[in-house]
Amino acid sequence: MFGYRSKKGYQTTNPSKVNQDSIVISTKLKEETSSHYFGVCDGHGSDGHHVSGFLKDNISQLLK
């Protein structure tokens, strides 16, 4: 069992800023039961949530 927590950064100039973090939990990497990948993709800038989301969706396949 795995868990995580993420909290958006505080920005006084943009209080409606979205949380740009994306979490990756990939178990059985390369079909090996003892090989796992855990990651936090931290977005930066106005499109950071798109970048971190892309990494979350694709990084496990790239590592395999």
Protein backbone atom coordinates (compact mmCIF):
# COMPACT_ATOMS: atom_id res chain seq x y z
CA MET A 1 0.00 0.00 0.00
CA PHE A 2 1.29 3.46 -0.89
CA GLY A 3 0.18 6.97 -0.07
CA TYR A 4 1.07 10.55 -0.87
CA ARG A 5 0.11 14.12 -0.13
CA SER A 6 0.64 17.24 -2.17
CA LYS A 7 -0.14 20.88 -1.42
CA LYS A 8 -0.17 23.77 -3.86
CA GLY A 9 2.38 26.49 -3.35
CA TYR A 10 1.41 29.84 -1.91
CA GLN A 11 1.48 32.77 -4.28
CA THR A 12 0.19 36.20 -3.20
CA THR A 13 -0.09 37.53 -6.78
CA ASN A 14 -2.26 34.61 -7.96
CA PRO A 15 -4.46 33.12 -5.22
CA SER A 16 -6.30 30.89 -7.74
CA LYS A 17 -3.05 29.11 -8.72
CA VAL A 18 -3.55 25.39 -9.30
CA ASN A 19 -1.47 22.65 -7.70
CA GLN A 20 1.12 21.77 -10.33
CA ASP A 21 2.44 18.62 -8.68
CA SER A 22 1.88 15.20 -10.23
CA ILE A 23 2.61 11.94 -8.46
CA VAL A 24 3.94 8.79 -10.16
CA ILE A 25 3.61 5.36 -8.55
CA SER A 26 4.64 2.56 -10.88
CA THR A 27 4.87 -0.92 -9.40
CA LYS A 28 6.35 -3.99 -11.07
CA LEU A 29 8.49 -1.92 -13.43
CA LYS A 30 9.66 -4.17 -16.27
CA GLU A 31 7.31 -6.83 -14.84
CA GLU A 32 9.74 -7.41 -11.96
CA THR A 33 7.89 -7.57 -8.66
CA SER A 34 10.79 -5.96 -6.76
CA SER A 35 11.28 -3.03 -9.16
CA HIS A 36 9.19 0.08 -8.43
CA TYR A 37 9.34 3.74 -9.40
CA PHE A 38 8.02 6.59 -7.24
CA GLY A 39 8.24 10.20 -8.31
CA VAL A 40 6.97 13.71 -7.78
CA CYS A 41 6.85 15.92 -10.85
CA ASP A 42 6.93 19.54 -9.71
CA GLY A 43 5.51 21.98 -12.24
CA HIS A 44 6.83 25.53 -12.60
CA GLY A 45 5.50 28.51 -14.53
CA SER A 46 2.06 29.15 -15.96
CA ASP A 47 1.91 25.78 -17.79
CA GLY A 48 3.71 23.74 -15.14
CA HIS A 49 0.69 21.56 -14.43
CA HIS A 50 0.65 20.44 -18.09
CA VAL A 51 4.35 19.54 -18.01
CA SER A 52 4.13 17.61 -14.74
CA GLY A 53 0.99 15.84 -16.00
CA PHE A 54 2.76 14.81 -19.21
CA LEU A 55 5.68 13.40 -17.23
CA LYS A 56 3.32 11.54 -14.89
CA ASP A 57 1.52 9.97 -17.86
CA ASN A 58 4.66 9.00 -19.81
CA ILE A 59 7.72 8.54 -17.59
CA SER A 60 6.91 4.96 -16.52
CA GLN A 61 6.75 3.83 -20.15
CA LEU A 62 10.04 5.56 -20.91
CA LEU A 63 11.72 3.79 -17.98
CA LYS A 64 10.45 0.40 -19.09
